[in-house]
C-alpha atoms as a PDB file:
ATOM      1  CA  UNK A   1     -13.682  -1.906  -4.910  1.00  0.00           C
ATOM      2  CA  UNK A   2     -14.347  -0.514  -8.108  1.00  0.00           C
ATOM      3  CA  UNK A   3     -12.649  -1.771 -11.596  1.00  0.00           C
ATOM      4  CA  UNK A   4      -9.238  -0.005 -12.300  1.00  0.00           C
ATOM      5  CA  UNK A   5      -8.032   0.146 -16.446  1.00  0.00           C
ATOM      6  CA  UNK A   6      -4.640  -0.629 -15.877  1.00  0.00           C
ATOM      7  CA  UNK A   7      -2.186   1.811 -14.188  1.00  0.00           C
ATOM      8  CA  UNK A   8      -5.596   3.881 -12.770  1.00  0.00           C
ATOM      9  CA  UNK A   9      -6.847   3.692  -9.485  1.00  0.00           C
ATOM     10  CA  UNK A  10      -9.687   2.750  -8.771  1.00  0.00           C
ATOM     11  CA  UNK A  11     -11.764   5.596  -6.671  1.00  0.00           C
ATOM     12  CA  UNK A  12     -11.058   5.135  -2.861  1.00  0.00           C
ATOM     13  CA  UNK A  13     -13.870   3.187  -0.771  1.00  0.00           C
ATOM     14  CA  UNK A  14     -13.312   4.856   2.779  1.00  0.00           C
ATOM     15  CA  UNK A  15     -15.184   5.831   5.555  1.00  0.00           C
ATOM     16  CA  UNK A  16     -16.495   9.432   5.886  1.00  0.00           C
ATOM     17  CA  UNK A  17     -13.745  11.009   7.206  1.00  0.00           C
ATOM     18  CA  UNK A  18     -12.932  14.939   6.801  1.00  0.00           C
ATOM     19  CA  UNK A  19     -10.712  16.065   3.588  1.00  0.00           C
ATOM     20  CA  UNK A  20      -7.882  17.406   6.436  1.00  0.00           C
ATOM     21  CA  UNK A  21      -7.354  13.293   8.129  1.00  0.00           C
ATOM     22  CA  UNK A  22      -3.479  12.677   7.491  1.00  0.00           C
ATOM     23  CA  UNK A  23      -3.821   9.503   4.891  1.00  0.00           C
ATOM     24  CA  UNK A  24      -1.248   6.822   5.863  1.00  0.00           C
ATOM     25  CA  UNK A  25      -0.132   5.130   2.782  1.00  0.00           C
ATOM     26  CA  UNK A  26       0.638   1.008   2.497  1.00  0.00           C
ATOM     27  CA  UNK A  27       1.746  -0.368  -0.382  1.00  0.00           C
ATOM     28  CA  UNK A  28       0.981  -3.882  -0.132  1.00  0.00           C
ATOM     29  CA  UNK A  29       3.084  -6.911  -0.613  1.00  0.00           C
ATOM     30  CA  UNK A  30       3.015 -10.644   0.670  1.00  0.00           C
ATOM     31  CA  UNK A  31       5.692  -9.826   2.753  1.00  0.00           C
ATOM     32  CA  UNK A  32       6.423  -9.763   6.848  1.00  0.00           C
ATOM     33  CA  UNK A  33       7.611  -6.400   6.774  1.00  0.00           C
ATOM     34  CA  UNK A  34       4.472  -5.748   5.193  1.00  0.00           C
ATOM     35  CA  UNK A  35       2.103  -6.504   7.813  1.00  0.00           C
ATOM     36  CA  UNK A  36       4.217  -4.351  10.928  1.00  0.00           C
ATOM     37  CA  UNK A  37       3.923  -1.878   8.519  1.00  0.00           C
ATOM     38  CA  UNK A  38       0.515  -2.170   8.224  1.00  0.00           C
ATOM     39  CA  UNK A  39       0.600  -1.849  12.616  1.00  0.00           C
ATOM     40  CA  UNK A  40       2.660   0.437  13.087  1.00  0.00           C
ATOM     41  CA  UNK A  41       0.845   2.359  10.404  1.00  0.00           C
ATOM     42  CA  UNK A  42      -3.092   2.303  12.162  1.00  0.00           C
ATOM     43  CA  UNK A  43      -2.106   2.383  14.810  1.00  0.00           C
ATOM     44  CA  UNK A  44      -0.158   6.138  13.938  1.00  0.00           C
ATOM     45  CA  UNK A  45      -3.250   6.734  12.081  1.00  0.00           C
ATOM     46  CA  UNK A  46      -5.782   6.232  15.020  1.00  0.00           C
ATOM     47  CA  UNK A  47      -3.952   7.970  17.604  1.00  0.00           C
ATOM     48  CA  UNK A  48      -3.613  11.618  14.955  1.00  0.00           C
ATOM     49  CA  UNK A  49      -7.201  10.644  13.765  1.00  0.00           C
ATOM     50  CA  UNK A  50      -6.232   9.777  10.443  1.00  0.00           C
ATOM     51  CA  UNK A  51      -7.202   6.689   8.629  1.00  0.00           C
ATOM     52  CA  UNK A  52      -4.816   3.965   5.989  1.00  0.00           C
ATOM     53  CA  UNK A  53      -4.671   3.936   1.976  1.00  0.00           C
ATOM     54  CA  UNK A  54      -3.277   0.729   0.351  1.00  0.00           C
ATOM     55  CA  UNK A  55      -2.345   0.607  -3.052  1.00  0.00           C
ATOM     56  CA  UNK A  56      -1.632  -2.899  -4.374  1.00  0.00           C
ATOM     57  CA  UNK A  57       0.769  -2.993  -7.505  1.00  0.00           C
ATOM     58  CA  UNK A  58      -0.395  -6.267  -9.498  1.00  0.00           C
ATOM     59  CA  UNK A  59       2.696  -6.779 -12.457  1.00  0.00           C
ATOM     60  CA  UNK A  60       1.075  -7.067 -15.991  1.00  0.00           C
ATOM     61  CA  UNK A  61       0.769 -10.250 -17.335  1.00  0.00           C
ATOM     62  CA  UNK A  62       3.086 -11.288 -20.224  1.00  0.00           C
ATOM     63  CA  UNK A  63       1.703 -14.156 -22.328  1.00  0.00           C
ATOM     64  CA  UNK A  64       0.943 -11.666 -24.964  1.00  0.00           C
ATOM     65  CA  UNK A  65       0.900 -14.755 -28.000  1.00  0.00           C
ATOM     66  CA  UNK A  66      -2.135 -16.031 -26.206  1.00  0.00           C
ATOM     67  CA  UNK A  67      -4.140 -12.365 -25.127  1.00  0.00           C
ATOM     68  CA  UNK A  68      -7.150 -14.715 -24.380  1.00  0.00           C
ATOM     69  CA  UNK A  69      -4.549 -16.489 -21.486  1.00  0.00           C
ATOM     70  CA  UNK A  70      -2.836 -13.225 -20.463  1.00  0.00           C
ATOM     71  CA  UNK A  71      -6.461 -11.643 -19.590  1.00  0.00           C
ATOM     72  CA  UNK A  72      -7.465 -15.049 -17.539  1.00  0.00           C
ATOM     73  CA  UNK A  73      -3.986 -14.851 -15.532  1.00  0.00           C
ATOM     74  CA  UNK A  74      -5.757 -11.256 -14.706  1.00  0.00           C
ATOM     75  CA  UNK A  75      -8.344 -11.339 -13.585  1.00  0.00           C
ATOM     76  CA  UNK A  76      -7.412 -14.234 -11.372  1.00  0.00           C
ATOM     77  CA  UNK A  77      -4.130 -12.130 -10.419  1.00  0.00           C
ATOM     78  CA  UNK A  78      -6.782  -9.263  -9.701  1.00  0.00           C
ATOM     79  CA  UNK A  79      -9.206 -11.287  -7.846  1.00  0.00           C
ATOM     80  CA  UNK A  80      -6.373 -12.074  -5.923  1.00  0.00           C
ATOM     81  CA  UNK A  81      -5.286  -8.788  -5.168  1.00  0.00           C
ATOM     82  CA  UNK A  82      -9.005  -8.014  -4.103  1.00  0.00           C
ATOM     83  CA  UNK A  83      -9.416 -10.997  -2.032  1.00  0.00           C
ATOM     84  CA  UNK A  84      -6.437  -9.803   0.249  1.00  0.00           C
ATOM     85  CA  UNK A  85      -7.460  -6.293  -0.290  1.00  0.00           C
ATOM     86  CA  UNK A  86     -10.631  -7.695   2.042  1.00  0.00           C
ATOM     87  CA  UNK A  87      -8.149  -9.341   4.203  1.00  0.00           C
ATOM     88  CA  UNK A  88      -6.403  -6.898   5.031  1.00  0.00           C
ATOM     89  CA  UNK A  89      -9.201  -4.499   5.639  1.00  0.00           C
ATOM     90  CA  UNK A  90     -10.316  -6.638   8.713  1.00  0.00           C
ATOM     91  CA  UNK A  91      -6.640  -5.424   9.760  1.00  0.00           C
ATOM     92  CA  UNK A  92      -7.298  -2.137   9.431  1.00  0.00           C
ATOM     93  CA  UNK A  93     -10.740  -1.446  10.667  1.00  0.00           C
ATOM     94  CA  UNK A  94      -9.504  -3.862  14.021  1.00  0.00           C
ATOM     95  CA  UNK A  95      -6.384  -2.015  14.527  1.00  0.00           C
ATOM     96  CA  UNK A  96      -7.296   1.693  13.256  1.00  0.00           C
ATOM     97  CA  UNK A  97     -11.150   2.260  13.351  1.00  0.00           C
ATOM     98  CA  UNK A  98     -11.721   3.048  10.307  1.00  0.00           C
ATOM     99  CA  UNK A  99     -11.864   1.587   6.908  1.00  0.00           C
ATOM    100  CA  UNK A 100      -9.291   1.872   4.357  1.00  0.00           C
ATOM    101  CA  UNK A 101      -8.963   3.698   1.171  1.00  0.00           C
ATOM    102  CA  UNK A 102      -7.802   0.613  -1.549  1.00  0.00           C
ATOM    103  CA  UNK A 103      -6.255   1.665  -4.912  1.00  0.00           C
ATOM    104  CA  UNK A 104      -5.492  -1.654  -7.324  1.00  0.00           C
ATOM    105  CA  UNK A 105      -3.663  -0.969 -10.373  1.00  0.00           C
ATOM    106  CA  UNK A 106      -1.549  -2.560 -13.185  1.00  0.00           C
ATOM    107  CA  UNK A 107       2.439  -1.853 -13.711  1.00  0.00           C
ATOM    108  CA  UNK A 108       6.103  -1.439 -12.106  1.00  0.00           C
ATOM    109  CA  UNK A 109       5.157  -1.057  -8.263  1.00  0.00           C
ATOM    110  CA  UNK A 110       7.950   2.272  -7.989  1.00  0.00           C
ATOM    111  CA  UNK A 111       6.006   3.849 -11.023  1.00  0.00           C
ATOM    112  CA  UNK A 112       2.056   3.108  -9.836  1.00  0.00           C
ATOM    113  CA  UNK A 113       3.431   5.050  -6.656  1.00  0.00           C
ATOM    114  CA  UNK A 114       4.663   7.782  -7.719  1.00  0.00           C
ATOM    115  CA  UNK A 115       2.600   8.472  -9.985  1.00  0.00           C
ATOM    116  CA  UNK A 116      -0.250   7.605  -7.600  1.00  0.00           C
ATOM    117  CA  UNK A 117       1.768   9.684  -4.696  1.00  0.00           C
ATOM    118  CA  UNK A 118       0.966  12.678  -7.820  1.00  0.00           C
ATOM    119  CA  UNK A 119      -2.397  12.317  -8.524  1.00  0.00           C
ATOM    120  CA  UNK A 120      -3.907  12.014  -4.311  1.00  0.00           C
ATOM    121  CA  UNK A 121      -2.949  15.070  -2.912  1.00  0.00           C
ATOM    122  CA  UNK A 122      -5.109  13.405   0.320  1.00  0.00           C
ATOM    123  CA  UNK A 123      -1.770  10.840   1.244  1.00  0.00           C
ATOM    124  CA  UNK A 124      -0.361  12.478   3.290  1.00  0.00           C
ATOM    125  CA  UNK A 125       2.321   9.691   4.570  1.00  0.00           C
ATOM    126  CA  UNK A 126       4.348   6.364   2.914  1.00  0.00           C
ATOM    127  CA  UNK A 127       4.973   3.958   5.358  1.00  0.00           C
ATOM    128  CA  UNK A 128       6.796   0.852   4.211  1.00  0.00           C
ATOM    129  CA  UNK A 129       7.959  -1.718   6.123  1.00  0.00           C
ATOM    130  CA  UNK A 130      11.855  -2.772   5.968  1.00  0.00           C
ATOM    131  CA  UNK A 131      12.916  -5.848   5.599  1.00  0.00           C
ATOM    132  CA  UNK A 132      14.979  -7.451   8.390  1.00  0.00           C
ATOM    133  CA  UNK A 133      17.356 -10.081   6.191  1.00  0.00           C
ATOM    134  CA  UNK A 134      20.257 -10.566   3.887  1.00  0.00           C
ATOM    135  CA  UNK A 135      18.570  -9.307   1.034  1.00  0.00           C
ATOM    136  CA  UNK A 136      18.518  -5.702   2.421  1.00  0.00           C
ATOM    137  CA  UNK A 137      15.405  -3.479   2.682  1.00  0.00           C
ATOM    138  CA  UNK A 138      13.496  -4.221  -0.139  1.00  0.00           C
ATOM    139  CA  UNK A 139      13.152  -3.137  -3.797  1.00  0.00           C
ATOM    140  CA  UNK A 140      11.175  -0.093  -3.296  1.00  0.00           C
ATOM    141  CA  UNK A 141      12.648   1.261  -0.425  1.00  0.00           C
ATOM    142  CA  UNK A 142      16.237   0.835  -1.717  1.00  0.00           C
ATOM    143  CA  UNK A 143      14.525   3.027  -5.231  1.00  0.00           C
ATOM    144  CA  UNK A 144      12.558   4.824  -3.163  1.00  0.00           C
ATOM    145  CA  UNK A 145      16.417   5.964  -0.848  1.00  0.00           C
ATOM    146  CA  UNK A 146      18.588   6.239  -4.282  1.00  0.00           C
ATOM    147  CA  UNK A 147      16.804   7.627  -6.482  1.00  0.00           C
ATOM    148  CA  UNK A 148      13.198   8.435  -5.594  1.00  0.00           C
ATOM    149  CA  UNK A 149      12.371   9.718  -2.779  1.00  0.00           C
ATOM    150  CA  UNK A 150      13.394  13.347  -4.900  1.00  0.00           C
ATOM    151  CA  UNK A 151      10.460  12.518  -6.805  1.00  0.00           C
ATOM    152  CA  UNK A 152       7.479  12.309  -3.825  1.00  0.00           C
ATOM    153  CA  UNK A 153       5.770  15.269  -2.425  1.00  0.00           C
ATOM    154  CA  UNK A 154       5.303  12.994   1.419  1.00  0.00           C
ATOM    155  CA  UNK A 155       7.721  12.487   4.283  1.00  0.00           C
ATOM    156  CA  UNK A 156       7.913   8.439   4.248  1.00  0.00           C
ATOM    157  CA  UNK A 157       8.294   6.261   7.396  1.00  0.00           C
ATOM    158  CA  UNK A 158       9.868   3.179   7.548  1.00  0.00           C
ATOM    159  CA  UNK A 159       9.257   0.949   9.582  1.00  0.00           C
ATOM    160  CA  UNK A 160      11.916  -2.064  11.067  1.00  0.00           C
ATOM    161  CA  UNK A 161      10.299  -5.201   9.886  1.00  0.00           C
ATOM    162  CA  UNK A 162      11.670  -6.908  12.917  1.00  0.00           C
ATOM    163  CA  UNK A 163       9.449  -4.761  15.170  1.00  0.00           C
ATOM    164  CA  UNK A 164       7.087  -6.904  17.245  1.00  0.00           C
ATOM    165  CA  UNK A 165       3.125  -5.788  18.122  1.00  0.00           C
ATOM    166  CA  UNK A 166       3.719  -4.796  21.630  1.00  0.00           C
ATOM    167  CA  UNK A 167       7.442  -2.534  20.077  1.00  0.00           C
ATOM    168  CA  UNK A 168       4.191  -0.641  17.770  1.00  0.00           C
ATOM    169  CA  UNK A 169       2.211  -0.225  20.366  1.00  0.00           C
ATOM    170  CA  UNK A 170       5.000   1.634  22.735  1.00  0.00           C
ATOM    171  CA  UNK A 171       6.025   4.007  19.604  1.00  0.00           C
ATOM    172  CA  UNK A 172       2.382   4.831  18.924  1.00  0.00           C
END
């Protein structure tokens, strides 16, 4: 994965697929529902000849008083993000048969998602996992459904976070 500036996307690191492939974008976080959405997206990409793109948005560090501390924190967060993306990349390859594209950004997750979709015409579908707990489907889904859907140029697939691997296999 290549280095990126704050708010910019990394060059997609993908295998040599066609420009006409359907690209399923999954927003990465540490939730269980993200893993369900990722598995669903991988199965859909495999059956449709598409591929996966992963977006990870790290929150900016807020230690402006101590710039050196802020920079160390930013670098540590970036290393953690890269490690997570590598782990997920192996899962994507196992489930879909292809390596994913990576986008690593810094900023507000909602804003960066909209920017990426505007900048990357190759992305075809946004796949989000819906939380099943008392907290509702999740802040990103809340945003997309209440205010952000009109800003997006791609269809959105909401995957219930309660689906099992067997459920996903059955419907894909």
